Amino acid sequence: MQSVTIRIPKKLYSDYKKTLLEQGKIVTYDVRRYMNDVVENHKKGQK
């Protein structure tokens, strides 16, 4: 695993976290899923 530090506005992060909580999701897992989707979509686009 790789630790990553990113700067995000506090209000945006707070709103994002609340939104995911309502959906039963966790920030870390949601970011990993998004990153994986970007990579997979890129691979599909190259074929």
PDB file of N, CA and C in Angstrom:
ATOM      1  N   MET A   1       0.843  -1.192   0.000  1.00  0.00           N
ATOM      2  CA  MET A   1       0.000   0.000   0.000  1.00  0.00           C
ATOM      3  C   MET A   1       0.875   1.236   0.000  1.00  0.00           C
ATOM      4  N   GLN A   2       0.296   2.323  -0.478  1.00  0.00           N
ATOM      5  CA  GLN A   2       0.984   3.613  -0.566  1.00  0.00           C
ATOM      6  C   GLN A   2       0.152   4.652   0.166  1.00  0.00           C
ATOM      7  N   SER A   3       0.777   5.394   1.057  1.00  0.00           N
ATOM      8  CA  SER A   3       0.099   6.509   1.721  1.00  0.00           C
ATOM      9  C   SER A   3       0.230   7.741   0.846  1.00  0.00           C
ATOM     10  N   VAL A   4      -0.870   8.487   0.718  1.00  0.00           N
ATOM     11  CA  VAL A   4      -0.878   9.681  -0.118  1.00  0.00           C
ATOM     12  C   VAL A   4      -1.471  10.824   0.690  1.00  0.00           C
ATOM     13  N   THR A   5      -0.835  11.971   0.622  1.00  0.00           N
ATOM     14  CA  THR A   5      -1.344  13.158   1.293  1.00  0.00           C
ATOM     15  C   THR A   5      -1.773  14.151   0.230  1.00  0.00           C
ATOM     16  N   ILE A   6      -3.018  14.608   0.318  1.00  0.00           N
ATOM     17  CA  ILE A   6      -3.516  15.613  -0.615  1.00  0.00           C
ATOM     18  C   ILE A   6      -4.182  16.726   0.176  1.00  0.00           C
ATOM     19  N   ARG A   7      -4.139  17.922  -0.386  1.00  0.00           N
ATOM     20  CA  ARG A   7      -4.753  19.068   0.275  1.00  0.00           C
ATOM     21  C   ARG A   7      -6.144  19.282  -0.324  1.00  0.00           C
ATOM     22  N   ILE A   8      -7.145  19.285   0.547  1.00  0.00           N
ATOM     23  CA  ILE A   8      -8.533  19.440   0.131  1.00  0.00           C
ATOM     24  C   ILE A   8      -9.165  20.494   1.042  1.00  0.00           C
ATOM     25  N   PRO A   9      -9.951  21.396   0.498  1.00  0.00           N
ATOM     26  CA  PRO A   9     -10.628  22.374   1.353  1.00  0.00           C
ATOM     27  C   PRO A   9     -11.455  21.665   2.439  1.00  0.00           C
ATOM     28  N   LYS A  10     -11.388  22.183   3.668  1.00  0.00           N
ATOM     29  CA  LYS A  10     -12.065  21.543   4.799  1.00  0.00           C
ATOM     30  C   LYS A  10     -13.557  21.367   4.569  1.00  0.00           C
ATOM     31  N   LYS A  11     -14.211  22.379   4.022  1.00  0.00           N
ATOM     32  CA  LYS A  11     -15.660  22.313   3.794  1.00  0.00           C
ATOM     33  C   LYS A  11     -16.001  21.224   2.780  1.00  0.00           C
ATOM     34  N   LEU A  12     -15.230  21.150   1.706  1.00  0.00           N
ATOM     35  CA  LEU A  12     -15.465  20.125   0.694  1.00  0.00           C
ATOM     36  C   LEU A  12     -15.307  18.735   1.295  1.00  0.00           C
ATOM     37  N   TYR A  13     -14.239  18.524   2.062  1.00  0.00           N
ATOM     38  CA  TYR A  13     -14.006  17.214   2.677  1.00  0.00           C
ATOM     39  C   TYR A  13     -15.126  16.864   3.654  1.00  0.00           C
ATOM     40  N   SER A  14     -15.545  17.841   4.437  1.00  0.00           N
ATOM     41  CA  SER A  14     -16.623  17.606   5.402  1.00  0.00           C
ATOM     42  C   SER A  14     -17.918  17.214   4.693  1.00  0.00           C
ATOM     43  N   ASP A  15     -18.268  17.948   3.636  1.00  0.00           N
ATOM     44  CA  ASP A  15     -19.483  17.645   2.875  1.00  0.00           C
ATOM     45  C   ASP A  15     -19.382  16.276   2.206  1.00  0.00           C
ATOM     46  N   TYR A  16     -18.211  15.979   1.652  1.00  0.00           N
ATOM     47  CA  TYR A  16     -17.979  14.686   0.995  1.00  0.00           C
ATOM     48  C   TYR A  16     -18.134  13.541   1.982  1.00  0.00           C
ATOM     49  N   LYS A  17     -17.534  13.706   3.147  1.00  0.00           N
ATOM     50  CA  LYS A  17     -17.594  12.665   4.171  1.00  0.00           C
ATOM     51  C   LYS A  17     -19.032  12.438   4.649  1.00  0.00           C
ATOM     52  N   LYS A  18     -19.780  13.525   4.846  1.00  0.00           N
ATOM     53  CA  LYS A  18     -21.189  13.409   5.255  1.00  0.00           C
ATOM     54  C   LYS A  18     -22.008  12.681   4.191  1.00  0.00           C
ATOM     55  N   THR A  19     -21.780  13.059   2.939  1.00  0.00           N
ATOM     56  CA  THR A  19     -22.508  12.440   1.826  1.00  0.00           C
ATOM     57  C   THR A  19     -22.237  10.941   1.761  1.00  0.00           C
ATOM     58  N   LEU A  20     -20.968  10.560   1.864  1.00  0.00           N
ATOM     59  CA  LEU A  20     -20.620   9.136   1.818  1.00  0.00           C
ATOM     60  C   LEU A  20     -21.188   8.388   3.022  1.00  0.00           C
ATOM     61  N   LEU A  21     -21.171   9.025   4.180  1.00  0.00           N
ATOM     62  CA  LEU A  21     -21.710   8.396   5.388  1.00  0.00           C
ATOM     63  C   LEU A  21     -23.194   8.060   5.192  1.00  0.00           C
ATOM     64  N   GLU A  22     -23.921   8.981   4.578  1.00  0.00           N
ATOM     65  CA  GLU A  22     -25.343   8.738   4.300  1.00  0.00           C
ATOM     66  C   GLU A  22     -25.531   7.562   3.346  1.00  0.00           C
ATOM     67  N   GLN A  23     -24.534   7.334   2.486  1.00  0.00           N
ATOM     68  CA  GLN A  23     -24.594   6.240   1.521  1.00  0.00           C
ATOM     69  C   GLN A  23     -23.967   4.961   2.074  1.00  0.00           C
ATOM     70  N   GLY A  24     -23.459   5.022   3.302  1.00  0.00           N
ATOM     71  CA  GLY A  24     -22.832   3.850   3.915  1.00  0.00           C
ATOM     72  C   GLY A  24     -21.453   3.552   3.354  1.00  0.00           C
ATOM     73  N   LYS A  25     -20.770   4.584   2.848  1.00  0.00           N
ATOM     74  CA  LYS A  25     -19.455   4.404   2.244  1.00  0.00           C
ATOM     75  C   LYS A  25     -18.377   5.052   3.095  1.00  0.00           C
ATOM     76  N   ILE A  26     -17.134   4.679   2.846  1.00  0.00           N
ATOM     77  CA  ILE A  26     -15.983   5.203   3.570  1.00  0.00           C
ATOM     78  C   ILE A  26     -15.114   5.977   2.580  1.00  0.00           C
ATOM     79  N   VAL A  27     -14.620   7.140   2.996  1.00  0.00           N
ATOM     80  CA  VAL A  27     -13.839   8.012   2.119  1.00  0.00           C
ATOM     81  C   VAL A  27     -12.684   7.261   1.450  1.00  0.00           C
ATOM     82  N   THR A  28     -11.868   6.583   2.226  1.00  0.00           N
ATOM     83  CA  THR A  28     -10.691   5.894   1.675  1.00  0.00           C
ATOM     84  C   THR A  28     -11.082   4.909   0.588  1.00  0.00           C
ATOM     85  N   TYR A  29     -12.090   4.103   0.857  1.00  0.00           N
ATOM     86  CA  TYR A  29     -12.501   3.099  -0.127  1.00  0.00           C
ATOM     87  C   TYR A  29     -13.087   3.752  -1.366  1.00  0.00           C
ATOM     88  N   ASP A  30     -13.815   4.865  -1.184  1.00  0.00           N
ATOM     89  CA  ASP A  30     -14.416   5.548  -2.320  1.00  0.00           C
ATOM     90  C   ASP A  30     -13.336   6.148  -3.217  1.00  0.00           C
ATOM     91  N   VAL A  31     -12.296   6.717  -2.627  1.00  0.00           N
ATOM     92  CA  VAL A  31     -11.198   7.280  -3.418  1.00  0.00           C
ATOM     93  C   VAL A  31     -10.467   6.166  -4.158  1.00  0.00           C
ATOM     94  N   ARG A  32     -10.227   5.037  -3.500  1.00  0.00           N
ATOM     95  CA  ARG A  32      -9.580   3.895  -4.168  1.00  0.00           C
ATOM     96  C   ARG A  32     -10.417   3.418  -5.346  1.00  0.00           C
ATOM     97  N   ARG A  33     -11.731   3.327  -5.154  1.00  0.00           N
ATOM     98  CA  ARG A  33     -12.632   2.883  -6.219  1.00  0.00           C
ATOM     99  C   ARG A  33     -12.574   3.848  -7.391  1.00  0.00           C
ATOM    100  N   TYR A  34     -12.583   5.138  -7.092  1.00  0.00           N
ATOM    101  CA  TYR A  34     -12.523   6.143  -8.152  1.00  0.00           C
ATOM    102  C   TYR A  34     -11.218   6.026  -8.939  1.00  0.00           C
ATOM    103  N   MET A  35     -10.102   5.883  -8.223  1.00  0.00           N
ATOM    104  CA  MET A  35      -8.805   5.763  -8.890  1.00  0.00           C
ATOM    105  C   MET A  35      -8.767   4.518  -9.774  1.00  0.00           C
ATOM    106  N   ASN A  36      -9.306   3.422  -9.268  1.00  0.00           N
ATOM    107  CA  ASN A  36      -9.349   2.186 -10.040  1.00  0.00           C
ATOM    108  C   ASN A  36     -10.208   2.353 -11.290  1.00  0.00           C
ATOM    109  N   ASP A  37     -11.342   3.030 -11.157  1.00  0.00           N
ATOM    110  CA  ASP A  37     -12.210   3.278 -12.308  1.00  0.00           C
ATOM    111  C   ASP A  37     -11.493   4.093 -13.375  1.00  0.00           C
ATOM    112  N   VAL A  38     -10.741   5.111 -12.966  1.00  0.00           N
ATOM    113  CA  VAL A  38      -9.998   5.939 -13.915  1.00  0.00           C
ATOM    114  C   VAL A  38      -8.996   5.089 -14.684  1.00  0.00           C
ATOM    115  N   VAL A  39      -8.258   4.244 -13.976  1.00  0.00           N
ATOM    116  CA  VAL A  39      -7.250   3.381 -14.615  1.00  0.00           C
ATOM    117  C   VAL A  39      -7.923   2.399 -15.573  1.00  0.00           C
ATOM    118  N   GLU A  40      -8.996   1.761 -15.131  1.00  0.00           N
ATOM    119  CA  GLU A  40      -9.678   0.778 -15.974  1.00  0.00           C
ATOM    120  C   GLU A  40     -10.276   1.439 -17.219  1.00  0.00           C
ATOM    121  N   ASN A  41     -10.876   2.602 -17.055  1.00  0.00           N
ATOM    122  CA  ASN A  41     -11.455   3.305 -18.206  1.00  0.00           C
ATOM    123  C   ASN A  41     -10.366   3.714 -19.190  1.00  0.00           C
ATOM    124  N   HIS A  42      -9.217   4.082 -18.680  1.00  0.00           N
ATOM    125  CA  HIS A  42      -8.106   4.454 -19.546  1.00  0.00           C
ATOM    126  C   HIS A  42      -7.618   3.241 -20.338  1.00  0.00           C
ATOM    127  N   LYS A  43      -7.517   2.106 -19.670  1.00  0.00           N
ATOM    128  CA  LYS A  43      -7.090   0.877 -20.348  1.00  0.00           C
ATOM    129  C   LYS A  43      -8.072   0.494 -21.450  1.00  0.00           C
ATOM    130  N   LYS A  44      -9.360   0.605 -21.156  1.00  0.00           N
ATOM    131  CA  LYS A  44     -10.384   0.272 -22.143  1.00  0.00           C
ATOM    132  C   LYS A  44     -10.326   1.209 -23.335  1.00  0.00           C
ATOM    133  N   GLY A  45      -9.999   2.469 -23.088  1.00  0.00           N
ATOM    134  CA  GLY A  45      -9.920   3.461 -24.137  1.00  0.00           C
ATOM    135  C   GLY A  45      -8.755   3.247 -25.074  1.00  0.00           C
ATOM    136  N   GLN A  46      -7.711   2.568 -24.593  1.00  0.00           N
ATOM    137  CA  GLN A  46      -6.527   2.338 -25.408  1.00  0.00           C
ATOM    138  C   GLN A  46      -6.656   1.114 -26.294  1.00  0.00           C
ATOM    139  N   LYS A  47      -7.589   0.225 -25.987  1.00  0.00           N
ATOM    140  CA  LYS A  47      -7.706  -1.009 -26.763  1.00  0.00           C
ATOM    141  C   LYS A  47      -8.499  -0.800 -28.016  1.00  0.00           C
TER     142      LYS A  47
END
